[in-house]
């Protein structure tokens, strides 16, 4: 199944290295040795050396990763996080995301290059973090690492969660009489 290139996206194949360039940025990928790619008529076509199981798996992996790269440089990827908790704050200063989330210290997360982070406030005064960039893996990994600083807890629901994430709440201890 070929990867179709949108009008604004350019692809170049040099040996095992493929470069994708578009309006949102430029990404590179080195394919496994058994997979070959070529650009024809605005499409990237992948071929494999044999039909072994591992080779077929690498064929699908390479095609999927390159397709994600094409979508990333044309449209980009976005992950949104919301912070819930009294006194919890977030701000961006240069290449650092500063989080105040109930720890004894302020957390300074370094923002990777090619990723843009913005912080806004919702109507309920909760910080809302938007992470965007062309690399799907980098955006998802940075969002997961920020969420890991204070994952949502099940009793009061405080913490950093993905936008729209449902947190199952537990009932607290009750007083026995």
N, C-alpha and C. Protein backbone atom coordinates (compact mmCIF):
# COMPACT_ATOMS: atom_id res chain seq x y z
N UNK A 1 0.86 -1.18 0.00
CA UNK A 1 0.00 0.00 0.00
C UNK A 1 0.90 1.24 0.00
N UNK A 2 0.88 2.02 -1.05
CA UNK A 2 1.77 3.19 -1.11
C UNK A 2 1.31 4.32 -0.19
N UNK A 3 2.26 5.20 0.17
CA UNK A 3 1.97 6.38 0.96
C UNK A 3 1.80 7.54 -0.01
N UNK A 4 0.63 8.17 -0.02
CA UNK A 4 0.34 9.27 -0.93
C UNK A 4 0.89 10.56 -0.33
N UNK A 5 1.63 11.32 -1.14
CA UNK A 5 2.19 12.59 -0.68
C UNK A 5 1.24 13.73 -0.99
N UNK A 6 0.86 14.54 0.02
CA UNK A 6 0.05 15.73 -0.25
C UNK A 6 0.83 16.73 -1.11
N UNK A 7 0.15 17.75 -1.60
CA UNK A 7 0.75 18.70 -2.54
C UNK A 7 1.96 19.43 -1.97
N UNK A 8 1.94 19.79 -0.68
CA UNK A 8 3.00 20.61 -0.10
C UNK A 8 4.17 19.79 0.45
N UNK A 9 4.11 18.46 0.37
CA UNK A 9 5.12 17.60 0.99
C UNK A 9 6.06 17.04 -0.07
N UNK A 10 7.39 17.08 0.26
CA UNK A 10 8.41 16.53 -0.63
C UNK A 10 9.10 15.38 0.08
N UNK A 11 9.43 14.34 -0.69
CA UNK A 11 10.13 13.18 -0.13
C UNK A 11 11.37 12.90 -0.97
N UNK A 12 12.43 12.48 -0.29
CA UNK A 12 13.67 12.10 -0.97
C UNK A 12 14.20 10.82 -0.34
N UNK A 13 14.58 9.86 -1.20
CA UNK A 13 15.12 8.60 -0.73
C UNK A 13 16.57 8.51 -1.18
N UNK A 14 17.47 8.27 -0.23
CA UNK A 14 18.90 8.08 -0.52
C UNK A 14 19.35 6.81 0.18
N UNK A 15 19.39 5.71 -0.55
CA UNK A 15 19.75 4.42 0.06
C UNK A 15 18.67 3.98 1.03
N UNK A 16 19.03 3.82 2.28
CA UNK A 16 18.06 3.41 3.31
C UNK A 16 17.47 4.59 4.06
N UNK A 17 17.93 5.80 3.76
CA UNK A 17 17.45 6.98 4.48
C UNK A 17 16.37 7.69 3.66
N UNK A 18 15.27 8.01 4.32
CA UNK A 18 14.18 8.74 3.66
C UNK A 18 13.96 10.05 4.41
N UNK A 19 13.84 11.15 3.67
CA UNK A 19 13.63 12.48 4.24
C UNK A 19 12.30 13.01 3.74
N UNK A 20 11.49 13.49 4.67
CA UNK A 20 10.19 14.07 4.35
C UNK A 20 10.21 15.52 4.80
N UNK A 21 9.82 16.43 3.91
CA UNK A 21 9.82 17.85 4.24
C UNK A 21 8.47 18.45 3.86
N UNK A 22 7.92 19.26 4.77
CA UNK A 22 6.63 19.89 4.53
C UNK A 22 6.53 21.20 5.28
N UNK A 23 5.33 21.80 5.31
CA UNK A 23 5.16 23.10 5.96
C UNK A 23 5.41 23.09 7.47
N UNK A 24 5.23 21.95 8.15
CA UNK A 24 5.41 21.89 9.61
C UNK A 24 6.82 21.50 10.03
N UNK A 25 7.68 21.11 9.07
CA UNK A 25 9.04 20.75 9.44
C UNK A 25 9.62 19.68 8.54
N UNK A 26 10.75 19.14 8.98
CA UNK A 26 11.47 18.11 8.21
C UNK A 26 11.79 16.94 9.13
N UNK A 27 11.54 15.71 8.66
CA UNK A 27 11.82 14.50 9.44
C UNK A 27 12.61 13.51 8.60
N UNK A 28 13.47 12.73 9.26
CA UNK A 28 14.27 11.71 8.60
C UNK A 28 14.03 10.36 9.26
N UNK A 29 14.20 9.29 8.47
CA UNK A 29 14.04 7.94 8.99
C UNK A 29 14.97 7.01 8.22
N UNK A 30 15.67 6.14 8.93
CA UNK A 30 16.52 5.14 8.31
C UNK A 30 15.78 3.81 8.34
N UNK A 31 15.51 3.27 7.16
CA UNK A 31 14.73 2.04 7.05
C UNK A 31 15.60 0.82 7.30
N UNK A 32 14.99 -0.31 7.70
CA UNK A 32 15.75 -1.56 7.84
C UNK A 32 16.35 -1.97 6.49
N UNK A 33 17.41 -2.77 6.53
CA UNK A 33 18.14 -3.14 5.31
C UNK A 33 17.29 -3.94 4.31
N UNK A 34 16.30 -4.69 4.80
CA UNK A 34 15.51 -5.53 3.89
C UNK A 34 14.37 -4.78 3.21
N UNK A 35 14.17 -3.52 3.55
CA UNK A 35 13.08 -2.72 2.97
C UNK A 35 13.67 -1.66 2.04
N UNK A 36 13.09 -1.53 0.87
CA UNK A 36 13.50 -0.51 -0.10
C UNK A 36 12.31 0.40 -0.37
N UNK A 37 12.59 1.66 -0.65
CA UNK A 37 11.52 2.62 -0.95
C UNK A 37 11.91 3.43 -2.17
N UNK A 38 10.90 3.87 -2.92
CA UNK A 38 11.13 4.77 -4.04
C UNK A 38 9.93 5.70 -4.19
N UNK A 39 10.19 6.90 -4.70
CA UNK A 39 9.14 7.90 -4.90
C UNK A 39 8.76 7.89 -6.38
N UNK A 40 7.46 7.66 -6.66
CA UNK A 40 6.95 7.64 -8.03
C UNK A 40 5.58 8.31 -8.07
N UNK A 41 5.41 9.26 -8.94
CA UNK A 41 4.10 9.90 -9.19
C UNK A 41 3.42 10.40 -7.92
N UNK A 42 4.16 11.04 -7.02
CA UNK A 42 3.59 11.58 -5.80
C UNK A 42 3.23 10.53 -4.77
N UNK A 43 3.83 9.34 -4.88
CA UNK A 43 3.58 8.26 -3.93
C UNK A 43 4.92 7.65 -3.52
N UNK A 44 4.99 7.14 -2.30
CA UNK A 44 6.17 6.40 -1.85
C UNK A 44 5.78 4.93 -1.84
N UNK A 45 6.54 4.12 -2.59
CA UNK A 45 6.25 2.70 -2.72
C UNK A 45 7.33 1.91 -1.99
N UNK A 46 6.91 0.97 -1.15
CA UNK A 46 7.82 0.15 -0.36
C UNK A 46 7.86 -1.26 -0.92
N UNK A 47 9.05 -1.84 -0.98
CA UNK A 47 9.22 -3.24 -1.40
C UNK A 47 10.10 -3.94 -0.37
N UNK A 48 9.94 -5.26 -0.28
CA UNK A 48 10.75 -6.03 0.67
C UNK A 48 11.54 -7.10 -0.07
N UNK A 49 12.61 -7.57 0.56
CA UNK A 49 13.52 -8.52 -0.07
C UNK A 49 12.93 -9.93 -0.16
N UNK A 50 12.18 -10.35 0.84
CA UNK A 50 11.61 -11.71 0.85
C UNK A 50 10.28 -11.70 1.59
N UNK A 51 9.68 -12.87 1.75
CA UNK A 51 8.38 -12.97 2.40
C UNK A 51 8.44 -13.63 3.78
N UNK A 52 9.58 -13.52 4.45
CA UNK A 52 9.66 -14.06 5.80
C UNK A 52 8.80 -13.22 6.75
N UNK A 53 8.42 -13.84 7.84
CA UNK A 53 7.51 -13.17 8.77
C UNK A 53 8.10 -11.86 9.33
N UNK A 54 9.36 -11.89 9.75
CA UNK A 54 10.00 -10.69 10.31
C UNK A 54 10.13 -9.59 9.25
N UNK A 55 10.40 -9.97 8.02
CA UNK A 55 10.52 -8.99 6.94
C UNK A 55 9.18 -8.34 6.64
N UNK A 56 8.12 -9.14 6.64
CA UNK A 56 6.77 -8.59 6.42
C UNK A 56 6.42 -7.61 7.53
N UNK A 57 6.79 -7.94 8.77
CA UNK A 57 6.50 -7.04 9.90
C UNK A 57 7.27 -5.73 9.75
N UNK A 58 8.53 -5.79 9.35
CA UNK A 58 9.32 -4.57 9.14
C UNK A 58 8.78 -3.74 7.98
N UNK A 59 8.25 -4.42 6.96
CA UNK A 59 7.65 -3.73 5.81
C UNK A 59 6.47 -2.87 6.27
N UNK A 60 5.58 -3.45 7.06
CA UNK A 60 4.44 -2.70 7.57
C UNK A 60 4.86 -1.60 8.53
N UNK A 61 5.86 -1.87 9.36
CA UNK A 61 6.37 -0.87 10.30
C UNK A 61 6.94 0.33 9.56
N UNK A 62 7.79 0.08 8.57
CA UNK A 62 8.42 1.18 7.82
C UNK A 62 7.36 2.01 7.10
N UNK A 63 6.38 1.36 6.50
CA UNK A 63 5.32 2.07 5.79
C UNK A 63 4.51 2.93 6.76
N UNK A 64 4.19 2.39 7.92
CA UNK A 64 3.40 3.11 8.91
C UNK A 64 4.17 4.31 9.46
N UNK A 65 5.46 4.13 9.77
CA UNK A 65 6.26 5.23 10.30
C UNK A 65 6.40 6.36 9.27
N UNK A 66 6.61 6.01 8.01
CA UNK A 66 6.74 7.04 6.97
C UNK A 66 5.41 7.73 6.75
N UNK A 67 4.30 6.99 6.81
CA UNK A 67 2.99 7.62 6.68
C UNK A 67 2.75 8.61 7.82
N UNK A 68 3.15 8.25 9.06
CA UNK A 68 3.03 9.17 10.19
C UNK A 68 3.89 10.40 10.00
N UNK A 69 5.07 10.22 9.39
CA UNK A 69 5.94 11.36 9.11
C UNK A 69 5.29 12.31 8.10
N UNK A 70 4.69 11.75 7.06
CA UNK A 70 4.02 12.56 6.03
C UNK A 70 2.86 13.34 6.66
N UNK A 71 2.05 12.67 7.48
CA UNK A 71 0.94 13.37 8.15
C UNK A 71 1.46 14.43 9.11
N UNK A 72 2.57 14.16 9.77
CA UNK A 72 3.15 15.10 10.74
C UNK A 72 3.66 16.37 10.09
N UNK A 73 4.38 16.25 8.97
CA UNK A 73 4.92 17.46 8.34
C UNK A 73 3.87 18.23 7.57
N UNK A 74 2.73 17.59 7.25
CA UNK A 74 1.67 18.33 6.55
C UNK A 74 0.66 18.93 7.54
N UNK A 75 0.19 18.14 8.51
CA UNK A 75 -0.84 18.61 9.45
C UNK A 75 -0.30 18.82 10.87
N UNK A 76 0.62 17.98 11.32
CA UNK A 76 1.16 18.06 12.67
C UNK A 76 0.33 17.21 13.63
N UNK A 77 0.90 16.94 14.78
CA UNK A 77 0.22 16.17 15.82
C UNK A 77 0.04 17.04 17.06
N UNK A 78 -1.07 16.83 17.77
CA UNK A 78 -1.38 17.64 18.95
C UNK A 78 -1.83 16.71 20.08
N UNK A 79 -1.28 16.94 21.27
CA UNK A 79 -1.75 16.28 22.50
C UNK A 79 -2.10 17.39 23.47
N UNK A 80 -3.18 17.21 24.21
CA UNK A 80 -3.60 18.22 25.18
C UNK A 80 -3.69 17.58 26.56
N UNK A 81 -3.17 18.31 27.55
CA UNK A 81 -3.20 17.87 28.94
C UNK A 81 -3.92 18.91 29.76
N UNK A 82 -4.65 18.47 30.77
CA UNK A 82 -5.26 19.41 31.69
C UNK A 82 -4.81 19.08 33.10
N UNK A 83 -4.62 20.13 33.90
CA UNK A 83 -4.15 19.97 35.26
C UNK A 83 -5.31 20.30 36.20
N UNK A 84 -5.62 19.38 37.10
CA UNK A 84 -6.68 19.61 38.07
C UNK A 84 -6.11 19.51 39.47
N UNK A 85 -6.38 20.51 40.25
CA UNK A 85 -5.92 20.53 41.64
C UNK A 85 -5.79 21.97 42.10
N UNK A 86 -6.11 22.22 43.35
CA UNK A 86 -6.03 23.56 43.90
C UNK A 86 -4.58 24.02 43.97
N UNK A 87 -4.29 25.18 43.39
CA UNK A 87 -2.95 25.73 43.42
C UNK A 87 -2.00 25.15 42.39
N UNK A 88 -2.46 24.24 41.56
CA UNK A 88 -1.60 23.66 40.54
C UNK A 88 -1.48 24.64 39.38
N UNK A 89 -0.23 24.90 38.93
CA UNK A 89 0.00 25.87 37.87
C UNK A 89 1.00 25.32 36.86
N UNK A 90 0.98 25.92 35.67
CA UNK A 90 1.95 25.58 34.63
C UNK A 90 2.28 26.84 33.85
N UNK A 91 3.53 26.94 33.38
CA UNK A 91 3.92 28.06 32.54
C UNK A 91 5.10 27.63 31.67
N UNK A 92 5.26 28.34 30.55
CA UNK A 92 6.37 28.07 29.64
C UNK A 92 7.33 29.25 29.71
N UNK A 93 8.61 28.96 29.96
CA UNK A 93 9.63 30.00 29.98
C UNK A 93 10.80 29.50 29.14
N UNK A 94 10.94 30.07 27.93
CA UNK A 94 11.99 29.64 27.02
C UNK A 94 11.77 28.21 26.57
N UNK A 95 12.75 27.34 26.83
CA UNK A 95 12.62 25.94 26.45
C UNK A 95 12.29 25.05 27.65
N UNK A 96 11.68 25.62 28.67
CA UNK A 96 11.30 24.88 29.88
C UNK A 96 9.80 24.98 30.12
N UNK A 97 9.20 23.89 30.55
CA UNK A 97 7.82 23.87 31.02
C UNK A 97 7.89 23.77 32.53
N UNK A 98 7.41 24.83 33.22
CA UNK A 98 7.45 24.88 34.68
C UNK A 98 6.12 24.41 35.24
N UNK A 99 6.18 23.42 36.13
CA UNK A 99 4.97 22.86 36.74
C UNK A 99 5.03 23.01 38.24
N UNK A 100 3.95 23.50 38.83
CA UNK A 100 3.78 23.53 40.28
C UNK A 100 2.59 22.63 40.55
N UNK A 101 2.89 21.41 41.01
CA UNK A 101 1.82 20.41 41.16
C UNK A 101 1.85 19.73 42.52
N UNK A 102 2.00 20.54 43.58
CA UNK A 102 1.89 20.00 44.92
C UNK A 102 3.10 19.26 45.43
N UNK A 103 4.21 19.32 44.75
CA UNK A 103 5.44 18.71 45.23
C UNK A 103 6.19 19.74 46.07
N UNK A 104 7.26 19.34 46.70
CA UNK A 104 8.04 20.27 47.53
C UNK A 104 8.88 21.21 46.68
N UNK A 105 8.95 20.96 45.40
CA UNK A 105 9.76 21.77 44.51
C UNK A 105 9.02 21.99 43.19
N UNK A 106 9.47 22.95 42.44
CA UNK A 106 8.89 23.23 41.12
C UNK A 106 9.56 22.30 40.12
N UNK A 107 8.79 21.75 39.18
CA UNK A 107 9.32 20.83 38.18
C UNK A 107 9.59 21.63 36.91
N UNK A 108 10.82 21.51 36.36
CA UNK A 108 11.20 22.17 35.12
C UNK A 108 11.48 21.10 34.08
N UNK A 109 10.55 20.91 33.15
CA UNK A 109 10.71 19.91 32.09
C UNK A 109 11.26 20.60 30.85
N UNK A 110 12.35 20.08 30.30
CA UNK A 110 12.95 20.65 29.10
C UNK A 110 12.12 20.24 27.89
N UNK A 111 11.71 21.22 27.10
CA UNK A 111 10.90 20.96 25.91
C UNK A 111 11.83 20.56 24.77
N UNK A 112 11.59 19.40 24.13
CA UNK A 112 12.44 18.99 23.01
C UNK A 112 12.31 19.96 21.83
N UNK A 113 13.36 20.00 20.99
CA UNK A 113 13.28 20.86 19.81
C UNK A 113 12.23 20.28 18.86
N UNK A 114 11.69 21.10 17.99
CA UNK A 114 10.60 20.76 17.05
C UNK A 114 9.25 20.59 17.74
N UNK A 115 9.16 20.84 19.05
CA UNK A 115 7.88 20.74 19.75
C UNK A 115 7.52 22.09 20.31
N UNK A 116 6.26 22.48 20.11
CA UNK A 116 5.77 23.76 20.61
C UNK A 116 4.78 23.48 21.74
N UNK A 117 4.97 24.15 22.87
CA UNK A 117 4.11 23.96 24.04
C UNK A 117 3.48 25.29 24.40
N UNK A 118 2.16 25.30 24.58
CA UNK A 118 1.46 26.50 25.02
C UNK A 118 0.61 26.14 26.23
N UNK A 119 0.46 27.11 27.13
CA UNK A 119 -0.35 26.91 28.34
C UNK A 119 -1.45 27.96 28.34
N UNK A 120 -2.69 27.51 28.49
CA UNK A 120 -3.84 28.42 28.61
C UNK A 120 -4.61 28.02 29.86
N UNK A 121 -5.57 28.86 30.24
CA UNK A 121 -6.42 28.54 31.38
C UNK A 121 -7.84 28.32 30.91
N UNK A 122 -8.51 27.34 31.49
CA UNK A 122 -9.91 27.08 31.17
C UNK A 122 -10.77 28.01 32.02
N UNK A 123 -12.07 27.95 31.82
CA UNK A 123 -13.00 28.79 32.58
C UNK A 123 -12.96 28.46 34.07
N UNK A 124 -12.60 27.22 34.41
CA UNK A 124 -12.54 26.80 35.81
C UNK A 124 -11.16 27.06 36.42
N UNK A 125 -10.35 27.90 35.77
CA UNK A 125 -9.01 28.27 36.24
C UNK A 125 -8.03 27.10 36.27
N UNK A 126 -8.31 26.05 35.50
CA UNK A 126 -7.38 24.92 35.41
C UNK A 126 -6.43 25.15 34.25
N UNK A 127 -5.12 24.95 34.45
CA UNK A 127 -4.18 25.09 33.33
C UNK A 127 -4.42 24.00 32.28
N UNK A 128 -4.26 24.37 31.04
CA UNK A 128 -4.48 23.49 29.89
C UNK A 128 -3.22 23.55 29.04
N UNK A 129 -2.50 22.44 28.90
CA UNK A 129 -1.23 22.40 28.18
C UNK A 129 -1.47 21.78 26.80
N UNK A 130 -1.04 22.48 25.74
CA UNK A 130 -1.14 21.98 24.38
C UNK A 130 0.27 21.71 23.87
N UNK A 131 0.50 20.47 23.43
CA UNK A 131 1.81 20.06 22.91
C UNK A 131 1.61 19.72 21.44
N UNK A 132 2.38 20.38 20.55
CA UNK A 132 2.22 20.11 19.13
C UNK A 132 3.57 20.06 18.43
N UNK A 133 3.62 19.24 17.35
CA UNK A 133 4.84 19.10 16.58
C UNK A 133 4.64 18.11 15.45
N UNK A 134 5.63 17.98 14.57
CA UNK A 134 5.48 17.09 13.41
C UNK A 134 5.77 15.62 13.72
N UNK A 135 6.51 15.33 14.78
CA UNK A 135 6.91 13.96 15.10
C UNK A 135 5.93 13.35 16.10
N UNK A 136 5.17 12.35 15.65
CA UNK A 136 4.14 11.74 16.49
C UNK A 136 4.74 11.12 17.75
N UNK A 137 5.86 10.44 17.62
CA UNK A 137 6.48 9.79 18.75
C UNK A 137 6.98 10.81 19.77
N UNK A 138 7.61 11.88 19.32
CA UNK A 138 8.16 12.89 20.24
C UNK A 138 7.04 13.62 20.98
N UNK A 139 5.95 13.94 20.28
CA UNK A 139 4.81 14.62 20.91
C UNK A 139 4.18 13.72 21.97
N UNK A 140 3.94 12.46 21.63
CA UNK A 140 3.34 11.53 22.58
C UNK A 140 4.24 11.25 23.77
N UNK A 141 5.55 11.12 23.51
CA UNK A 141 6.49 10.84 24.60
C UNK A 141 6.59 12.01 25.57
N UNK A 142 6.64 13.25 25.04
CA UNK A 142 6.73 14.40 25.93
C UNK A 142 5.44 14.55 26.74
N UNK A 143 4.28 14.32 26.10
CA UNK A 143 3.00 14.39 26.83
C UNK A 143 2.96 13.33 27.93
N UNK A 144 3.44 12.13 27.65
CA UNK A 144 3.44 11.07 28.65
C UNK A 144 4.40 11.38 29.80
N UNK A 145 5.55 11.99 29.48
CA UNK A 145 6.50 12.30 30.55
C UNK A 145 5.98 13.44 31.43
N UNK A 146 5.26 14.41 30.86
CA UNK A 146 4.66 15.48 31.67
C UNK A 146 3.56 14.89 32.56
N UNK A 147 2.74 14.00 32.00
CA UNK A 147 1.66 13.38 32.78
C UNK A 147 2.23 12.55 33.92
N UNK A 148 3.40 11.95 33.70
CA UNK A 148 4.00 11.07 34.72
C UNK A 148 4.48 11.84 35.95
N UNK A 149 4.65 13.17 35.87
CA UNK A 149 5.06 13.93 37.04
C UNK A 149 4.00 13.87 38.16
N UNK A 150 2.73 13.83 37.79
CA UNK A 150 1.65 13.73 38.78
C UNK A 150 0.42 13.13 38.09
N UNK A 151 0.40 11.79 37.92
CA UNK A 151 -0.75 11.16 37.27
C UNK A 151 -2.01 11.38 38.10
N UNK A 152 -3.18 11.36 37.50
CA UNK A 152 -4.41 11.60 38.26
C UNK A 152 -4.61 10.51 39.33
N UNK A 153 -4.94 10.97 40.53
CA UNK A 153 -5.16 10.01 41.61
C UNK A 153 -6.65 9.71 41.72
N UNK A 154 -7.01 8.51 42.19
CA UNK A 154 -8.40 8.07 42.11
C UNK A 154 -9.34 8.60 43.19
N UNK A 155 -8.82 9.25 44.25
CA UNK A 155 -9.71 9.65 45.34
C UNK A 155 -10.27 11.06 45.15
N UNK A 156 -9.43 12.02 44.84
CA UNK A 156 -9.92 13.38 44.62
C UNK A 156 -9.86 13.79 43.15
N UNK A 157 -9.17 13.01 42.32
CA UNK A 157 -9.08 13.32 40.90
C UNK A 157 -8.02 14.35 40.57
N UNK A 158 -7.15 14.68 41.53
CA UNK A 158 -6.12 15.67 41.28
C UNK A 158 -5.03 15.07 40.40
N UNK A 159 -4.37 15.95 39.62
CA UNK A 159 -3.23 15.50 38.83
C UNK A 159 -3.28 15.99 37.40
N UNK A 160 -2.35 15.50 36.61
CA UNK A 160 -2.25 15.86 35.20
C UNK A 160 -2.85 14.73 34.40
N UNK A 161 -3.80 15.07 33.53
CA UNK A 161 -4.47 14.05 32.72
C UNK A 161 -4.58 14.52 31.28
N UNK A 162 -4.77 13.58 30.37
CA UNK A 162 -5.02 13.93 28.98
C UNK A 162 -6.39 14.58 28.89
N UNK A 163 -6.57 15.49 27.94
CA UNK A 163 -7.87 16.14 27.76
C UNK A 163 -8.91 15.07 27.41
N UNK A 164 -9.99 15.05 28.15
CA UNK A 164 -11.05 14.09 27.90
C UNK A 164 -10.84 12.74 28.58
N UNK A 165 -9.74 12.55 29.29
CA UNK A 165 -9.48 11.28 29.97
C UNK A 165 -10.42 11.13 31.15
N UNK A 166 -11.02 9.96 31.27
CA UNK A 166 -11.90 9.66 32.38
C UNK A 166 -11.09 8.99 33.49
N UNK A 167 -11.18 9.51 34.70
CA UNK A 167 -10.47 8.92 35.83
C UNK A 167 -11.50 8.23 36.70
N UNK A 168 -11.31 6.93 36.92
CA UNK A 168 -12.23 6.18 37.77
C UNK A 168 -11.99 6.58 39.21
N UNK A 169 -13.03 7.04 39.87
CA UNK A 169 -12.92 7.52 41.24
C UNK A 169 -13.24 6.38 42.19
N UNK A 170 -12.51 6.34 43.30
CA UNK A 170 -12.75 5.36 44.35
C UNK A 170 -13.45 6.04 45.51
N UNK A 171 -14.18 5.25 46.26
CA UNK A 171 -14.83 5.78 47.44
C UNK A 171 -13.82 5.75 48.60
N UNK A 172 -13.78 6.82 49.38
CA UNK A 172 -12.84 6.89 50.49
C UNK A 172 -13.29 6.05 51.66
N UNK A 173 -12.52 6.07 52.71
CA UNK A 173 -12.87 5.32 53.92
C UNK A 173 -14.09 5.95 54.59
N UNK A 174 -14.91 5.13 55.17
CA UNK A 174 -16.08 5.64 55.90
C UNK A 174 -15.90 5.38 57.38
N UNK A 175 -16.52 6.21 58.18
CA UNK A 175 -16.45 6.09 59.64
C UNK A 175 -17.43 5.02 60.09
N UNK A 176 -16.95 4.09 60.91
CA UNK A 176 -17.83 3.03 61.40
C UNK A 176 -18.41 3.44 62.76
N UNK A 177 -19.66 3.10 62.96
CA UNK A 177 -20.31 3.47 64.23
C UNK A 177 -20.85 2.29 64.94
